[in-house]
Structure formats: C-alpha cells, structure tokens
Amino acid sequence: MTDCPCGSALPLDGCCGPILAGAPAATAEALMRSRYSAYVLCNVDHLERSLAPEARTDHDRKAAEQWSRSVEWQGLSIVGTEGGAAGDQTGMVEFIAKFRQNGADHSHHETANFRRLDDGWVYVDGKMHNQPVVRSTPKVGRNEPCPCGSGKKYKHCCGR
C-alpha cells in the first residue's frame, strides 16, 4: 500500500484514492487534500472535475499538467478550515503546499473557497497569501521627470 500524498498518514486507497477515482468528497478539506494529491499524481482529470462550473472557464488543462510534472511536491499543511462539513453548503480551507522547482523551494499559501454541488464539493476560487509584489512599470528615479506629465521632477511632484 502507498501512503496518500496529502500527508494524512493513511493509505492512498483509504484516503484520496476513491475521490481521485470519482467518488464525491465528504468535506471541503477532503476535496482540498484530493486536489493536492491530484497534482502530485498528475491526475488532471480530477483537477478539472473538482472545479465549480464557473471556475472551469479559465482552467488551462495543459498548464496544470505541465506544472504538476515540473515540480517535486514536498507536502501539504492544512492551516485551518471554516465550514465545509457534511451539513454545510460552503467551506473554506487555508493550506500551504510546498514544492521544489528548478532547484528552489517554494510554497503555495492559499485560502480556498468550496461549495457543495449535488452530492460532493467543488473548488470555487482562492486567495493567495504572501505573494511578492511585482512592479509592472519601471521604477521612477527621484530626479527623473514625473510620470504624471507635470514637467516637474518626480521628487518635487508625486514622489513627495
């Protein structure tokens, strides 16, 4: 028997295996764990099937498969849950997925939203945590013309 990649310490066939094969997840956390396992095992069918219908519109199956294969998955930590139990209609799972890519360690920290659909759960959307801010425009030097178009130096205009 193989241990489940989600870190539950259970065998795959007693944890995420049935969900990966198409059985409904009993809780939002169970679906989250199965989605992590699907990335580890490159089960793109489950990743797509477990999305809410509105989330499938921008799902890039090829990119998900490529990312799944290009990293070394190192573990899943569930930070917390809200709702998402058997009697709930919505749920939230905050998690950290650790992985190694191109020789560097990374973590994907997200708060994911789930909702009940028919007899199981689906992933709706998520909010990333601690993502670096990437400047979309070049940095303006203090003595350069202000980008607002005033004709003044940046330090005497918007840079104050």
N, C-alpha and C. Protein backbone atom coordinates (compact mmCIF):
# COMPACT_ATOMS: atom_id res chain seq x y z
N MET A 1 0.83 -1.18 0.00
CA MET A 1 0.00 0.00 0.00
C MET A 1 0.88 1.25 0.00
N THR A 2 0.43 2.26 -0.72
CA THR A 2 1.14 3.52 -0.82
C THR A 2 0.48 4.54 0.11
N ASP A 3 1.31 5.30 0.82
CA ASP A 3 0.76 6.38 1.65
C ASP A 3 0.16 7.45 0.76
N CYS A 4 -0.89 8.09 1.24
CA CYS A 4 -1.54 9.15 0.48
C CYS A 4 -0.63 10.37 0.42
N PRO A 5 -0.47 10.98 -0.75
CA PRO A 5 0.39 12.15 -0.88
C PRO A 5 -0.06 13.35 -0.05
N CYS A 6 -1.34 13.38 0.37
CA CYS A 6 -1.86 14.55 1.09
C CYS A 6 -1.31 14.68 2.50
N GLY A 7 -0.58 13.68 2.98
CA GLY A 7 0.03 13.77 4.30
C GLY A 7 -0.86 13.31 5.45
N SER A 8 -1.95 12.65 5.14
CA SER A 8 -2.87 12.20 6.20
C SER A 8 -2.35 11.01 6.98
N ALA A 9 -1.29 10.36 6.52
CA ALA A 9 -0.72 9.14 7.11
C ALA A 9 -1.63 7.92 6.88
N LEU A 10 -2.62 8.07 6.01
CA LEU A 10 -3.48 6.95 5.63
C LEU A 10 -3.01 6.42 4.28
N PRO A 11 -3.36 5.18 3.96
CA PRO A 11 -3.04 4.67 2.62
C PRO A 11 -3.86 5.41 1.57
N LEU A 12 -3.30 5.56 0.38
CA LEU A 12 -3.97 6.27 -0.71
C LEU A 12 -5.38 5.73 -0.95
N ASP A 13 -5.54 4.40 -0.96
CA ASP A 13 -6.86 3.83 -1.25
C ASP A 13 -7.86 4.02 -0.12
N GLY A 14 -7.41 4.46 1.05
CA GLY A 14 -8.32 4.75 2.16
C GLY A 14 -8.45 6.23 2.44
N CYS A 15 -7.89 7.04 1.56
CA CYS A 15 -7.92 8.49 1.77
C CYS A 15 -8.38 9.17 0.48
N CYS A 16 -7.45 9.68 -0.30
CA CYS A 16 -7.80 10.43 -1.52
C CYS A 16 -8.08 9.55 -2.74
N GLY A 17 -7.65 8.32 -2.70
CA GLY A 17 -7.82 7.43 -3.86
C GLY A 17 -9.23 7.35 -4.39
N PRO A 18 -10.24 7.07 -3.55
CA PRO A 18 -11.61 6.99 -4.05
C PRO A 18 -12.11 8.32 -4.65
N ILE A 19 -11.70 9.44 -4.06
CA ILE A 19 -12.12 10.75 -4.58
C ILE A 19 -11.46 11.00 -5.93
N LEU A 20 -10.18 10.64 -6.05
CA LEU A 20 -9.48 10.78 -7.33
C LEU A 20 -10.14 9.92 -8.41
N ALA A 21 -10.73 8.82 -8.00
CA ALA A 21 -11.39 7.91 -8.95
C ALA A 21 -12.82 8.35 -9.28
N GLY A 22 -13.32 9.42 -8.61
CA GLY A 22 -14.64 9.93 -8.95
C GLY A 22 -15.66 9.93 -7.85
N ALA A 23 -15.35 9.37 -6.69
CA ALA A 23 -16.30 9.39 -5.58
C ALA A 23 -16.39 10.82 -5.04
N PRO A 24 -17.56 11.24 -4.56
CA PRO A 24 -17.68 12.61 -4.02
C PRO A 24 -16.90 12.75 -2.72
N ALA A 25 -16.33 13.92 -2.52
CA ALA A 25 -15.63 14.23 -1.26
C ALA A 25 -16.67 14.54 -0.20
N ALA A 26 -16.47 14.02 1.00
CA ALA A 26 -17.43 14.23 2.09
C ALA A 26 -17.32 15.63 2.69
N THR A 27 -16.12 16.23 2.63
CA THR A 27 -15.91 17.55 3.20
C THR A 27 -15.07 18.40 2.25
N ALA A 28 -15.07 19.69 2.50
CA ALA A 28 -14.24 20.59 1.69
C ALA A 28 -12.76 20.26 1.88
N GLU A 29 -12.37 19.95 3.11
CA GLU A 29 -10.97 19.59 3.35
C GLU A 29 -10.58 18.32 2.60
N ALA A 30 -11.47 17.34 2.56
CA ALA A 30 -11.18 16.12 1.81
C ALA A 30 -10.97 16.42 0.33
N LEU A 31 -11.77 17.34 -0.21
CA LEU A 31 -11.58 17.71 -1.62
C LEU A 31 -10.26 18.44 -1.79
N MET A 32 -9.92 19.33 -0.85
CA MET A 32 -8.64 20.05 -0.94
C MET A 32 -7.49 19.07 -0.92
N ARG A 33 -7.53 18.12 -0.02
CA ARG A 33 -6.46 17.11 0.06
C ARG A 33 -6.38 16.31 -1.24
N SER A 34 -7.53 15.98 -1.81
CA SER A 34 -7.53 15.20 -3.05
C SER A 34 -6.98 16.02 -4.21
N ARG A 35 -7.22 17.31 -4.20
CA ARG A 35 -6.67 18.18 -5.27
C ARG A 35 -5.15 18.24 -5.16
N TYR A 36 -4.62 18.31 -3.94
CA TYR A 36 -3.17 18.28 -3.77
C TYR A 36 -2.63 16.94 -4.29
N SER A 37 -3.26 15.86 -3.88
CA SER A 37 -2.83 14.53 -4.33
C SER A 37 -2.90 14.42 -5.85
N ALA A 38 -3.91 15.06 -6.45
CA ALA A 38 -4.04 15.02 -7.91
C ALA A 38 -2.85 15.73 -8.57
N TYR A 39 -2.39 16.82 -7.98
CA TYR A 39 -1.19 17.48 -8.53
C TYR A 39 0.02 16.57 -8.39
N VAL A 40 0.19 15.94 -7.23
CA VAL A 40 1.33 15.04 -7.01
C VAL A 40 1.30 13.89 -8.01
N LEU A 41 0.13 13.34 -8.25
CA LEU A 41 -0.02 12.17 -9.12
C LEU A 41 -0.33 12.54 -10.56
N CYS A 42 -0.38 13.83 -10.85
CA CYS A 42 -0.69 14.36 -12.18
C CYS A 42 -2.02 13.81 -12.71
N ASN A 43 -3.03 13.86 -11.86
CA ASN A 43 -4.37 13.43 -12.23
C ASN A 43 -5.16 14.67 -12.66
N VAL A 44 -4.94 15.11 -13.90
CA VAL A 44 -5.54 16.35 -14.39
C VAL A 44 -7.05 16.21 -14.54
N ASP A 45 -7.53 15.00 -14.79
CA ASP A 45 -8.98 14.79 -14.89
C ASP A 45 -9.67 15.19 -13.59
N HIS A 46 -9.09 14.78 -12.46
CA HIS A 46 -9.70 15.13 -11.16
C HIS A 46 -9.61 16.64 -10.91
N LEU A 47 -8.48 17.24 -11.27
CA LEU A 47 -8.35 18.68 -11.07
C LEU A 47 -9.45 19.42 -11.80
N GLU A 48 -9.74 19.01 -13.02
CA GLU A 48 -10.78 19.67 -13.80
C GLU A 48 -12.18 19.33 -13.28
N ARG A 49 -12.39 18.08 -12.96
CA ARG A 49 -13.71 17.61 -12.49
C ARG A 49 -14.09 18.25 -11.16
N SER A 50 -13.09 18.60 -10.33
CA SER A 50 -13.37 19.12 -9.00
C SER A 50 -13.55 20.64 -8.97
N LEU A 51 -13.54 21.27 -10.14
CA LEU A 51 -13.77 22.71 -10.23
C LEU A 51 -15.26 23.01 -10.32
N ALA A 52 -15.67 24.12 -9.73
CA ALA A 52 -17.04 24.61 -9.92
C ALA A 52 -17.19 24.98 -11.40
N PRO A 53 -18.39 24.88 -11.95
CA PRO A 53 -18.57 25.19 -13.38
C PRO A 53 -18.01 26.54 -13.80
N GLU A 54 -18.20 27.59 -12.97
CA GLU A 54 -17.70 28.91 -13.34
C GLU A 54 -16.16 28.99 -13.26
N ALA A 55 -15.54 28.10 -12.52
CA ALA A 55 -14.07 28.09 -12.42
C ALA A 55 -13.44 27.34 -13.59
N ARG A 56 -14.23 26.55 -14.30
CA ARG A 56 -13.69 25.78 -15.43
C ARG A 56 -13.45 26.65 -16.66
N THR A 57 -14.05 27.83 -16.71
CA THR A 57 -13.95 28.65 -17.91
C THR A 57 -12.52 29.09 -18.20
N ASP A 58 -11.72 29.30 -17.15
CA ASP A 58 -10.33 29.71 -17.40
C ASP A 58 -9.32 28.64 -16.98
N HIS A 59 -9.79 27.41 -16.81
CA HIS A 59 -8.89 26.30 -16.46
C HIS A 59 -8.06 25.91 -17.67
N ASP A 60 -6.75 25.90 -17.50
CA ASP A 60 -5.83 25.52 -18.58
C ASP A 60 -5.29 24.14 -18.24
N ARG A 61 -5.91 23.15 -18.81
CA ARG A 61 -5.57 21.75 -18.54
C ARG A 61 -4.11 21.44 -18.82
N LYS A 62 -3.63 21.94 -19.96
CA LYS A 62 -2.25 21.68 -20.36
C LYS A 62 -1.26 22.31 -19.37
N ALA A 63 -1.53 23.54 -18.94
CA ALA A 63 -0.66 24.23 -17.99
C ALA A 63 -0.67 23.51 -16.64
N ALA A 64 -1.84 23.04 -16.20
CA ALA A 64 -1.93 22.31 -14.93
C ALA A 64 -1.10 21.03 -14.99
N GLU A 65 -1.19 20.33 -16.10
CA GLU A 65 -0.40 19.10 -16.26
C GLU A 65 1.09 19.41 -16.29
N GLN A 66 1.46 20.44 -17.01
CA GLN A 66 2.88 20.81 -17.11
C GLN A 66 3.43 21.19 -15.74
N TRP A 67 2.69 22.02 -14.99
CA TRP A 67 3.15 22.42 -13.66
C TRP A 67 3.23 21.21 -12.74
N SER A 68 2.23 20.35 -12.80
CA SER A 68 2.20 19.16 -11.96
C SER A 68 3.44 18.29 -12.16
N ARG A 69 3.86 18.16 -13.41
CA ARG A 69 5.02 17.32 -13.72
C ARG A 69 6.36 18.02 -13.49
N SER A 70 6.37 19.35 -13.48
CA SER A 70 7.64 20.09 -13.43
C SER A 70 8.16 20.35 -12.02
N VAL A 71 7.39 20.01 -11.01
CA VAL A 71 7.82 20.28 -9.64
C VAL A 71 7.92 18.99 -8.83
N GLU A 72 8.71 19.07 -7.77
CA GLU A 72 8.81 17.98 -6.82
C GLU A 72 7.97 18.38 -5.61
N TRP A 73 6.86 17.71 -5.42
CA TRP A 73 5.92 18.05 -4.34
C TRP A 73 6.49 17.60 -3.01
N GLN A 74 6.45 18.48 -2.00
CA GLN A 74 7.11 18.19 -0.73
C GLN A 74 6.17 18.15 0.47
N GLY A 75 4.90 18.43 0.29
CA GLY A 75 3.99 18.28 1.41
C GLY A 75 2.88 19.31 1.44
N LEU A 76 1.82 18.94 2.12
CA LEU A 76 0.64 19.78 2.28
C LEU A 76 0.40 20.00 3.76
N SER A 77 0.14 21.25 4.14
CA SER A 77 -0.25 21.57 5.51
C SER A 77 -1.59 22.29 5.47
N ILE A 78 -2.53 21.81 6.24
CA ILE A 78 -3.81 22.48 6.37
C ILE A 78 -3.68 23.45 7.55
N VAL A 79 -3.82 24.74 7.26
CA VAL A 79 -3.67 25.78 8.29
C VAL A 79 -4.96 25.91 9.08
N GLY A 80 -6.10 25.84 8.39
CA GLY A 80 -7.38 25.96 9.08
C GLY A 80 -8.53 25.73 8.14
N THR A 81 -9.68 25.48 8.70
CA THR A 81 -10.90 25.29 7.92
C THR A 81 -12.03 26.08 8.56
N GLU A 82 -13.00 26.42 7.74
CA GLU A 82 -14.20 27.11 8.20
C GLU A 82 -15.35 26.51 7.41
N GLY A 83 -16.33 25.94 8.10
CA GLY A 83 -17.42 25.28 7.39
C GLY A 83 -16.88 24.08 6.63
N GLY A 84 -17.60 23.71 5.59
CA GLY A 84 -17.13 22.62 4.74
C GLY A 84 -17.39 21.23 5.25
N ALA A 85 -18.19 21.11 6.30
CA ALA A 85 -18.52 19.79 6.85
C ALA A 85 -19.69 19.19 6.09
N ALA A 86 -20.06 17.99 6.46
CA ALA A 86 -21.10 17.25 5.75
C ALA A 86 -22.42 18.02 5.64
N GLY A 87 -22.83 18.80 6.64
CA GLY A 87 -24.09 19.52 6.59
C GLY A 87 -24.01 20.92 6.03
N ASP A 88 -22.82 21.38 5.68
CA ASP A 88 -22.63 22.75 5.20
C ASP A 88 -22.80 22.85 3.69
N GLN A 89 -23.07 24.06 3.23
CA GLN A 89 -23.18 24.32 1.78
C GLN A 89 -21.92 24.98 1.22
N THR A 90 -21.15 25.65 2.10
CA THR A 90 -19.90 26.29 1.68
C THR A 90 -18.82 25.96 2.71
N GLY A 91 -17.59 26.14 2.27
CA GLY A 91 -16.47 25.90 3.17
C GLY A 91 -15.24 26.61 2.69
N MET A 92 -14.30 26.79 3.60
CA MET A 92 -13.03 27.44 3.31
C MET A 92 -11.92 26.58 3.90
N VAL A 93 -10.85 26.43 3.13
CA VAL A 93 -9.68 25.70 3.62
C VAL A 93 -8.45 26.54 3.33
N GLU A 94 -7.72 26.89 4.38
CA GLU A 94 -6.44 27.58 4.20
C GLU A 94 -5.35 26.52 4.24
N PHE A 95 -4.48 26.53 3.25
CA PHE A 95 -3.46 25.48 3.15
C PHE A 95 -2.15 26.04 2.62
N ILE A 96 -1.10 25.29 2.85
CA ILE A 96 0.22 25.59 2.28
C ILE A 96 0.71 24.32 1.61
N ALA A 97 0.96 24.42 0.31
CA ALA A 97 1.54 23.31 -0.45
C ALA A 97 2.99 23.66 -0.74
N LYS A 98 3.90 22.79 -0.31
CA LYS A 98 5.33 23.04 -0.53
C LYS A 98 5.81 22.22 -1.71
N PHE A 99 6.71 22.85 -2.48
CA PHE A 99 7.26 22.16 -3.64
C PHE A 99 8.62 22.72 -3.99
N ARG A 100 9.37 21.96 -4.77
CA ARG A 100 10.69 22.37 -5.24
C ARG A 100 10.62 22.46 -6.76
N GLN A 101 11.07 23.59 -7.29
CA GLN A 101 11.05 23.80 -8.73
C GLN A 101 12.34 24.48 -9.15
N ASN A 102 12.99 23.91 -10.16
CA ASN A 102 14.27 24.44 -10.65
C ASN A 102 15.29 24.63 -9.53
N GLY A 103 15.32 23.68 -8.59
CA GLY A 103 16.29 23.71 -7.52
C GLY A 103 15.97 24.63 -6.37
N ALA A 104 14.85 25.32 -6.40
CA ALA A 104 14.48 26.25 -5.33
C ALA A 104 13.21 25.78 -4.63
N ASP A 105 13.17 25.97 -3.32
CA ASP A 105 11.98 25.61 -2.54
C ASP A 105 10.96 26.74 -2.61
N HIS A 106 9.70 26.37 -2.75
CA HIS A 106 8.60 27.33 -2.84
C HIS A 106 7.44 26.84 -1.99
N SER A 107 6.52 27.75 -1.71
CA SER A 107 5.27 27.35 -1.06
C SER A 107 4.12 28.11 -1.70
N HIS A 108 3.00 27.43 -1.79
CA HIS A 108 1.77 27.99 -2.34
C HIS A 108 0.82 28.09 -1.15
N HIS A 109 0.60 29.31 -0.65
CA HIS A 109 -0.25 29.54 0.53
C HIS A 109 -1.54 30.17 0.03
N GLU A 110 -2.64 29.50 0.25
CA GLU A 110 -3.92 29.94 -0.32
C GLU A 110 -5.06 29.69 0.67
N THR A 111 -6.04 30.55 0.62
CA THR A 111 -7.32 30.29 1.27
C THR A 111 -8.29 29.97 0.14
N ALA A 112 -8.75 28.74 0.11
CA ALA A 112 -9.59 28.25 -0.98
C ALA A 112 -11.05 28.18 -0.54
N ASN A 113 -11.94 28.57 -1.44
CA ASN A 113 -13.38 28.52 -1.18
C ASN A 113 -13.99 27.35 -1.94
N PHE A 114 -14.87 26.64 -1.25
CA PHE A 114 -15.53 25.47 -1.80
C PHE A 114 -17.03 25.60 -1.61
N ARG A 115 -17.78 24.90 -2.43
CA ARG A 115 -19.23 24.85 -2.22
C ARG A 115 -19.73 23.46 -2.59
N ARG A 116 -20.84 23.13 -1.96
CA ARG A 116 -21.45 21.83 -2.22
C ARG A 116 -22.17 21.90 -3.57
N LEU A 117 -21.96 20.89 -4.37
CA LEU A 117 -22.64 20.76 -5.66
C LEU A 117 -23.11 19.33 -5.76
N ASP A 118 -24.40 19.16 -5.87
CA ASP A 118 -25.01 17.82 -5.88
C ASP A 118 -24.61 17.09 -4.60
N ASP A 119 -23.89 15.97 -4.70
CA ASP A 119 -23.57 15.19 -3.50
C ASP A 119 -22.11 15.34 -3.06
N GLY A 120 -21.39 16.29 -3.64
CA GLY A 120 -19.98 16.47 -3.26
C GLY A 120 -19.60 17.94 -3.20
N TRP A 121 -18.31 18.19 -3.17
CA TRP A 121 -17.76 19.53 -3.06
C TRP A 121 -17.01 19.89 -4.33
N VAL A 122 -16.96 21.19 -4.63
CA VAL A 122 -16.18 21.70 -5.76
C VAL A 122 -15.38 22.92 -5.30
N TYR A 123 -14.23 23.12 -5.95
CA TYR A 123 -13.38 24.28 -5.70
C TYR A 123 -13.95 25.46 -6.47
N VAL A 124 -14.18 26.58 -5.79
CA VAL A 124 -14.76 27.77 -6.41
C VAL A 124 -13.67 28.76 -6.80
N ASP A 125 -12.88 29.19 -5.82
CA ASP A 125 -11.79 30.14 -6.08
C ASP A 125 -10.89 30.17 -4.86
N GLY A 126 -9.85 30.98 -4.95
CA GLY A 126 -8.93 31.07 -3.83
C GLY A 126 -8.22 32.41 -3.79
N LYS A 127 -7.69 32.72 -2.62
CA LYS A 127 -6.93 33.96 -2.42
C LYS A 127 -5.53 33.57 -1.98
N MET A 128 -4.55 34.05 -2.71
CA MET A 128 -3.15 33.77 -2.39
C MET A 128 -2.70 34.64 -1.22
N HIS A 129 -1.78 34.12 -0.43
CA HIS A 129 -1.18 34.84 0.69
C HIS A 129 0.30 35.06 0.40
N ASN A 130 0.83 36.16 0.91
CA ASN A 130 2.26 36.44 0.86
C ASN A 130 2.87 36.32 -0.53
N GLN A 131 2.18 36.83 -1.51
CA GLN A 131 2.74 36.83 -2.85
C GLN A 131 3.56 38.10 -3.03
N PRO A 132 4.75 37.97 -3.60
CA PRO A 132 5.56 39.17 -3.79
C PRO A 132 4.90 40.14 -4.76
N VAL A 133 5.05 41.42 -4.48
CA VAL A 133 4.51 42.44 -5.37
C VAL A 133 5.52 42.65 -6.50
N VAL A 134 5.06 42.52 -7.71
CA VAL A 134 5.93 42.69 -8.87
C VAL A 134 5.54 43.99 -9.56
N ARG A 135 6.51 44.87 -9.70
CA ARG A 135 6.28 46.16 -10.33
C ARG A 135 6.00 45.94 -11.81
N SER A 136 4.92 46.52 -12.32
CA SER A 136 4.56 46.36 -13.72
C SER A 136 5.19 47.42 -14.60
N THR A 137 5.68 48.49 -13.98
CA THR A 137 6.33 49.57 -14.74
C THR A 137 7.71 49.80 -14.16
N PRO A 138 8.61 50.40 -14.93
CA PRO A 138 9.94 50.66 -14.39
C PRO A 138 9.88 51.64 -13.22
N LYS A 139 10.83 51.49 -12.30
CA LYS A 139 10.91 52.38 -11.15
C LYS A 139 11.33 53.78 -11.63
N VAL A 140 10.68 54.79 -11.09
CA VAL A 140 10.98 56.17 -11.45
C VAL A 140 12.00 56.71 -10.47
N GLY A 141 13.11 57.23 -11.00
CA GLY A 141 14.14 57.83 -10.15
C GLY A 141 13.68 59.19 -9.63
N ARG A 142 14.23 59.62 -8.51
CA ARG A 142 13.82 60.89 -7.88
C ARG A 142 14.04 62.09 -8.80
N ASN A 143 15.10 62.06 -9.60
CA ASN A 143 15.43 63.21 -10.45
C ASN A 143 14.91 63.09 -11.89
N GLU A 144 14.13 62.06 -12.14
CA GLU A 144 13.55 61.89 -13.48
C GLU A 144 12.25 62.67 -13.58
N PRO A 145 11.81 62.96 -14.81
CA PRO A 145 10.52 63.65 -14.97
C PRO A 145 9.40 62.81 -14.36
N CYS A 146 8.45 63.48 -13.74
CA CYS A 146 7.33 62.79 -13.10
C CYS A 146 6.47 62.12 -14.17
N PRO A 147 6.08 60.87 -13.97
CA PRO A 147 5.26 60.17 -14.96
C PRO A 147 3.84 60.75 -15.10
N CYS A 148 3.43 61.65 -14.20
CA CYS A 148 2.09 62.23 -14.31
C CYS A 148 2.01 63.27 -15.44
N GLY A 149 3.19 63.68 -15.95
CA GLY A 149 3.19 64.62 -17.07
C GLY A 149 3.25 66.08 -16.67
N SER A 150 3.52 66.37 -15.40
CA SER A 150 3.54 67.76 -14.93
C SER A 150 4.75 68.55 -15.45
N GLY A 151 5.79 67.85 -15.85
CA GLY A 151 7.02 68.51 -16.26
C GLY A 151 7.99 68.73 -15.11
N LYS A 152 7.57 68.46 -13.89
CA LYS A 152 8.43 68.61 -12.72
C LYS A 152 9.21 67.31 -12.51
N LYS A 153 10.29 67.43 -11.70
CA LYS A 153 11.00 66.24 -11.29
C LYS A 153 10.08 65.43 -10.38
N TYR A 154 10.25 64.10 -10.41
CA TYR A 154 9.43 63.21 -9.61
C TYR A 154 9.48 63.59 -8.12
N LYS A 155 10.70 63.94 -7.61
CA LYS A 155 10.83 64.25 -6.18
C LYS A 155 10.10 65.52 -5.78
N HIS A 156 9.79 66.40 -6.73
CA HIS A 156 9.07 67.63 -6.42
C HIS A 156 7.58 67.53 -6.76
N CYS A 157 7.17 66.38 -7.21
CA CYS A 157 5.77 66.22 -7.63
C CYS A 157 5.14 65.04 -6.88
N CYS A 158 4.91 63.97 -7.58
CA CYS A 158 4.22 62.80 -7.00
C CYS A 158 5.10 61.97 -6.05
N GLY A 159 6.40 62.21 -6.09
CA GLY A 159 7.32 61.44 -5.24
C GLY A 159 7.50 61.98 -3.85
N ARG A 160 6.73 62.98 -3.46
CA ARG A 160 6.85 63.57 -2.11
C ARG A 160 6.34 62.67 -1.06
